[in-house]
Protein backbone atom coordinates (compact mmCIF):
# COMPACT_ATOMS: atom_id res chain seq x y z
CA MET A 1 -87.60 -131.54 1.41
CA GLN A 2 -87.49 -133.01 4.88
CA THR A 3 -83.73 -133.42 4.63
CA PHE A 4 -83.38 -129.77 3.58
CA LEU A 5 -85.57 -128.54 6.44
CA GLY A 6 -83.76 -130.82 8.85
CA THR A 7 -80.41 -129.39 7.76
CA ILE A 8 -81.65 -125.84 8.27
CA GLY A 9 -83.05 -126.72 11.68
CA HIS A 10 -79.82 -128.43 12.74
CA LYS A 11 -77.69 -125.46 11.65
CA THR A 12 -80.05 -123.03 13.37
CA LEU A 13 -79.87 -124.95 16.63
CA HIS A 14 -76.09 -125.19 16.35
CA ALA A 15 -75.76 -121.44 15.71
CA THR A 16 -78.10 -120.63 18.60
CA ASP A 17 -76.13 -122.90 20.93
CA HIS A 18 -72.88 -121.22 19.86
CA LEU A 19 -74.30 -117.74 20.49
CA LEU A 20 -75.48 -118.80 23.94
CA LYS A 21 -71.98 -120.10 24.70
CA LEU A 22 -70.50 -116.77 23.63
CA CYS A 23 -72.93 -114.90 25.89
CA ALA A 24 -72.14 -117.26 28.78
CA LEU A 25 -68.39 -116.79 28.32
CA ALA A 26 -68.76 -113.01 28.18
CA TRP A 27 -70.88 -113.07 31.36
CA ARG A 28 -68.30 -115.22 33.18
CA ILE A 29 -65.50 -112.85 32.16
CA PHE A 30 -67.39 -109.76 33.35
CA VAL A 31 -68.27 -111.49 36.63
CA THR A 32 -64.60 -112.39 37.11
CA MET A 33 -63.60 -108.79 36.43
CA ARG A 34 -65.88 -107.59 39.22
CA GLN A 35 -64.28 -109.96 41.73
CA ARG A 36 -61.41 -108.09 43.33
CA SER A 37 -58.87 -110.72 44.23
CA SER A 38 -55.38 -109.83 45.37
CA SER A 39 -53.89 -113.14 44.22
CA GLY A 40 -52.25 -112.97 40.82
CA ARG A 41 -53.02 -109.27 40.36
CA LEU A 42 -49.53 -108.41 39.15
CA MET A 43 -49.54 -111.29 36.67
CA VAL A 44 -52.95 -110.28 35.28
CA ARG A 45 -51.77 -106.68 34.98
CA ARG A 46 -48.60 -107.72 33.16
CA ILE A 47 -50.49 -109.94 30.72
CA THR A 48 -52.98 -107.13 30.06
CA ILE A 49 -50.19 -104.64 29.33
CA ASP A 50 -48.48 -107.15 27.04
CA GLN A 51 -51.76 -107.67 25.18
CA ILE A 52 -52.25 -103.92 24.73
CA PHE A 53 -48.66 -103.55 23.54
CA PHE A 54 -49.01 -106.40 21.04
CA THR A 55 -52.44 -105.30 19.78
CA ALA A 56 -52.04 -101.53 19.72
CA VAL A 57 -48.39 -100.44 19.75
CA GLN A 58 -46.98 -103.13 17.47
CA ALA A 59 -49.96 -102.74 15.12
CA MET A 60 -49.07 -99.10 14.39
CA ALA A 61 -46.89 -100.23 11.50
CA VAL A 62 -50.04 -101.62 9.89
CA ILE A 63 -52.72 -99.15 11.00
CA LEU A 64 -50.85 -95.98 9.98
CA PRO A 65 -50.36 -96.74 6.26
CA VAL A 66 -53.84 -98.27 5.99
CA ALA A 67 -55.40 -95.19 7.58
CA LEU A 68 -53.34 -92.87 5.37
CA LEU A 69 -54.31 -94.68 2.18
CA THR A 70 -57.97 -95.01 3.20
CA GLY A 71 -58.33 -91.35 4.16
CA SER A 72 -56.58 -90.17 0.99
CA MET A 73 -58.69 -92.39 -1.24
CA ILE A 74 -62.00 -91.39 0.38
CA LEU A 75 -61.35 -87.65 0.52
CA LEU A 76 -60.00 -87.53 -3.01
CA GLN A 77 -63.14 -89.19 -4.34
CA VAL A 78 -65.49 -87.14 -2.18
CA ALA A 79 -63.74 -83.90 -3.09
CA LYS A 80 -64.71 -84.39 -6.73
CA VAL A 81 -68.46 -84.32 -6.03
CA SER A 82 -68.85 -82.19 -2.89
CA GLY A 83 -68.60 -78.56 -1.92
CA GLN A 84 -66.45 -77.57 1.03
CA TYR A 85 -69.17 -77.91 3.68
CA ASN A 86 -70.56 -81.17 2.30
CA PHE A 87 -67.02 -82.34 1.82
CA SER A 88 -66.20 -82.06 5.52
CA ARG A 89 -69.52 -83.53 6.65
CA THR A 90 -69.18 -86.46 4.25
CA ALA A 91 -65.68 -87.09 5.53
CA VAL A 92 -67.01 -87.26 9.09
CA LEU A 93 -69.81 -89.63 8.09
CA LEU A 94 -67.58 -92.01 6.18
CA ILE A 95 -64.44 -92.05 8.33
CA PHE A 96 -65.51 -91.38 11.91
CA ARG A 97 -68.87 -93.08 11.84
CA GLU A 98 -68.50 -96.08 9.54
CA LEU A 99 -65.13 -96.96 8.02
CA GLY A 100 -62.91 -96.08 10.97
CA PRO A 101 -64.33 -98.65 13.41
CA ILE A 102 -64.84 -101.44 10.88
CA ILE A 103 -61.41 -101.18 9.21
CA THR A 104 -59.73 -101.01 12.61
CA ALA A 105 -61.67 -104.11 13.66
CA LEU A 106 -60.59 -105.94 10.50
CA ILE A 107 -56.93 -105.16 11.16
CA VAL A 108 -57.22 -106.31 14.77
CA ILE A 109 -58.94 -109.52 13.68
CA LEU A 110 -56.35 -110.38 11.05
CA ARG A 111 -53.34 -109.47 13.14
CA THR A 112 -54.19 -110.09 16.80
CA ALA A 113 -57.48 -111.92 17.27
CA THR A 114 -56.32 -114.95 15.28
CA ALA A 115 -53.24 -115.08 17.49
CA VAL A 116 -55.50 -115.27 20.56
CA THR A 117 -57.34 -118.26 19.09
CA ILE A 118 -54.09 -119.97 18.15
CA GLU A 119 -52.62 -119.39 21.60
CA THR A 120 -55.64 -120.67 23.52
CA GLY A 121 -56.07 -123.52 21.05
CA TYR A 122 -52.53 -124.75 21.61
CA MET A 123 -52.98 -124.38 25.35
CA ARG A 124 -56.01 -126.65 25.01
CA VAL A 125 -54.18 -129.22 22.87
CA LEU A 126 -51.10 -129.34 25.08
CA GLY A 127 -53.12 -129.56 28.30
CA GLU A 128 -51.97 -126.23 29.71
CA LEU A 129 -55.52 -125.16 30.58
CA GLU A 130 -55.99 -128.28 32.71
CA ALA A 131 -52.62 -127.65 34.37
CA ILE A 132 -53.66 -124.09 35.23
CA GLU A 133 -56.89 -125.33 36.81
CA LEU A 134 -55.08 -128.07 38.75
CA ASN A 135 -52.80 -125.42 40.24
CA GLY A 136 -55.85 -123.62 41.61
CA ILE A 137 -55.74 -120.74 39.12
CA ASP A 138 -58.90 -119.56 37.40
CA PRO A 139 -58.37 -119.50 33.60
CA MET A 140 -61.01 -116.80 33.34
CA ARG A 141 -58.82 -114.50 35.40
CA VAL A 142 -55.38 -115.11 33.90
CA ILE A 143 -56.36 -115.86 30.29
CA CYS A 144 -59.71 -114.30 29.42
CA VAL A 145 -59.78 -111.06 31.43
CA PRO A 146 -56.38 -109.72 30.24
CA ARG A 147 -57.18 -110.45 26.61
CA LEU A 148 -60.65 -108.94 26.78
CA VAL A 149 -59.38 -105.76 28.47
CA GLY A 150 -56.31 -105.58 26.24
CA LEU A 151 -58.17 -106.06 22.97
CA THR A 152 -60.93 -103.61 23.88
CA THR A 153 -58.50 -100.93 25.04
CA ALA A 154 -56.38 -101.40 21.94
CA MET A 155 -59.44 -101.19 19.69
CA VAL A 156 -60.39 -97.80 21.12
CA CYS A 157 -56.84 -96.46 20.84
CA LEU A 158 -56.41 -97.71 17.28
CA PHE A 159 -59.78 -96.26 16.31
CA VAL A 160 -58.67 -92.80 17.47
CA VAL A 161 -55.31 -93.11 15.68
CA PHE A 162 -56.99 -94.33 12.49
CA ASP A 163 -59.40 -91.39 12.38
CA MET A 164 -56.72 -88.79 13.04
CA VAL A 165 -54.33 -90.19 10.42
CA ALA A 166 -57.11 -90.72 7.85
CA ILE A 167 -58.36 -87.14 8.16
CA SER A 168 -54.91 -85.53 8.18
CA GLY A 169 -53.58 -87.78 5.40
CA GLY A 170 -56.66 -87.19 3.28
CA TYR A 171 -56.30 -83.45 3.80
CA VAL A 172 -52.70 -83.51 2.58
CA ALA A 173 -53.62 -85.66 -0.43
CA VAL A 174 -56.47 -83.35 -1.49
CA TRP A 175 -54.30 -80.27 -0.94
CA MET A 176 -51.46 -81.66 -3.06
CA LEU A 177 -53.42 -83.34 -5.88
CA THR A 178 -56.45 -81.08 -6.38
CA ARG A 179 -57.25 -77.40 -6.65
CA ILE A 180 -60.12 -77.51 -4.18
CA PRO A 181 -59.84 -74.70 -1.60
CA LEU A 182 -59.32 -76.18 1.83
CA ASP A 183 -59.28 -73.04 3.96
CA ASN A 184 -60.18 -73.86 7.55
CA PHE A 185 -60.73 -77.51 6.65
CA LEU A 186 -60.07 -78.73 10.19
CA ASP A 187 -62.48 -76.14 11.56
CA GLN A 188 -65.08 -77.37 9.09
CA ILE A 189 -64.48 -80.93 10.27
CA THR A 190 -64.95 -79.86 13.89
CA LYS A 191 -68.16 -77.99 13.10
CA SER A 192 -69.50 -80.88 11.03
CA MET A 193 -68.85 -83.40 13.80
CA ALA A 194 -71.75 -83.92 16.17
CA PRO A 195 -71.23 -85.45 19.65
CA ALA A 196 -73.20 -88.49 18.46
CA ASP A 197 -70.57 -89.16 15.77
CA LEU A 198 -67.79 -89.54 18.34
CA LEU A 199 -70.05 -91.47 20.70
CA VAL A 200 -71.07 -93.93 18.01
CA GLY A 201 -67.45 -94.50 17.03
CA PHE A 202 -66.37 -95.21 20.60
CA ILE A 203 -69.37 -97.48 21.23
CA LYS A 204 -68.58 -99.48 18.11
CA ALA A 205 -64.90 -99.75 19.04
CA VAL A 206 -65.73 -101.02 22.55
CA LEU A 207 -68.32 -103.52 21.32
CA PHE A 208 -66.02 -104.72 18.55
CA GLY A 209 -63.23 -105.33 21.04
CA ILE A 210 -65.50 -107.31 23.35
CA VAL A 211 -67.02 -109.39 20.56
CA ILE A 212 -63.67 -110.15 18.93
CA ALA A 213 -62.07 -111.19 22.22
CA VAL A 214 -64.97 -113.39 23.35
CA THR A 215 -65.37 -115.06 19.95
CA CYS A 216 -61.67 -115.87 19.58
CA LEU A 217 -61.38 -117.15 23.13
CA GLN A 218 -64.45 -119.37 22.74
CA ARG A 219 -63.15 -120.86 19.52
CA GLY A 220 -59.81 -121.51 21.16
CA PHE A 221 -61.45 -123.25 24.11
CA GLU A 222 -63.50 -125.44 21.74
CA VAL A 223 -60.37 -126.92 20.14
CA GLY A 224 -60.13 -130.67 20.73
CA LYS A 225 -57.04 -132.73 21.37
CA ARG A 226 -55.87 -132.74 17.76
CA ILE A 227 -53.45 -130.07 16.67
CA ASN A 228 -55.17 -129.97 13.27
CA ASP A 229 -58.20 -128.38 14.95
CA VAL A 230 -56.30 -125.17 15.68
CA PRO A 231 -56.18 -123.80 12.08
CA MET A 232 -59.88 -124.58 11.58
CA ALA A 233 -60.81 -122.85 14.83
CA THR A 234 -58.69 -119.84 13.88
CA SER A 235 -60.40 -119.51 10.51
CA LYS A 236 -63.85 -119.76 12.07
CA ALA A 237 -62.95 -117.20 14.73
CA ALA A 238 -61.75 -114.66 12.14
CA VAL A 239 -64.83 -115.02 9.92
CA GLU A 240 -67.27 -114.97 12.84
CA SER A 241 -65.63 -111.97 14.47
CA PHE A 242 -65.85 -109.91 11.30
CA LEU A 243 -69.46 -110.99 10.73
CA TYR A 244 -70.46 -110.02 14.27
CA CYS A 245 -68.69 -106.68 13.90
CA MET A 246 -70.61 -105.95 10.70
CA ILE A 247 -73.90 -106.79 12.41
CA ILE A 248 -73.07 -104.58 15.40
CA ASN A 249 -71.96 -101.80 13.06
CA ILE A 250 -75.32 -101.80 11.27
CA PHE A 251 -77.30 -102.16 14.49
CA VAL A 252 -75.60 -99.26 16.27
CA SER A 253 -75.96 -97.01 13.24
CA LEU A 254 -79.68 -97.84 13.02
CA VAL A 255 -80.20 -97.13 16.72
CA PHE A 256 -78.52 -93.72 16.61
CA TYR A 257 -79.48 -92.40 13.19
CA LEU A 258 -82.91 -93.82 12.38
């Protein structure tokens, strides 16, 4: 019994310490962002643009078919049990409010966030982080800030693209495969959408981007000197990022709708 309680206590303390480290890293990144330094500004800007391009633009080949299939599947199922008004409102609730942000976050985690952990992990193993510090360059500025800004910006952009493709693709699928009248469907969607629905989606996308970036960077920085630590850190970063996104998703929904 004592061993069991001791194990629980040890894991609780370890998890609390890890969460505090994540909060500390996020605070350091935001403090660095507020410091307007002219040195290295072009390099930071270039890295940020590259991160946005890799996370958002190159991910379109993945996000578009996933959004199309998700929207078609949801609207086809909902169309069987809903009238036209409930149909549009249910589509807004499922796609804009819940599934859009979380599926976009999952794609970003699987495709981009793991790459951030791998990159920072190898920089840790090969001693590149120490070399950057010895050259008088702040790793927070050239490594963390561009990836945080890039991931968050890409999350918001991909969330908008996902919602638009899911709604339009679902509309086409219902129109082609069912006999449900869809007159003025887009107008019904607009009328069914409250400002809080869009606000919640954007808030979730921003928070997801921040949490994913901070978690993956922290796991990359915690890699030791063995190269075998990189895959383990990457796996932990992916699982933790998705877990945190699910918790934030539930929390934000409770705050706005209960």
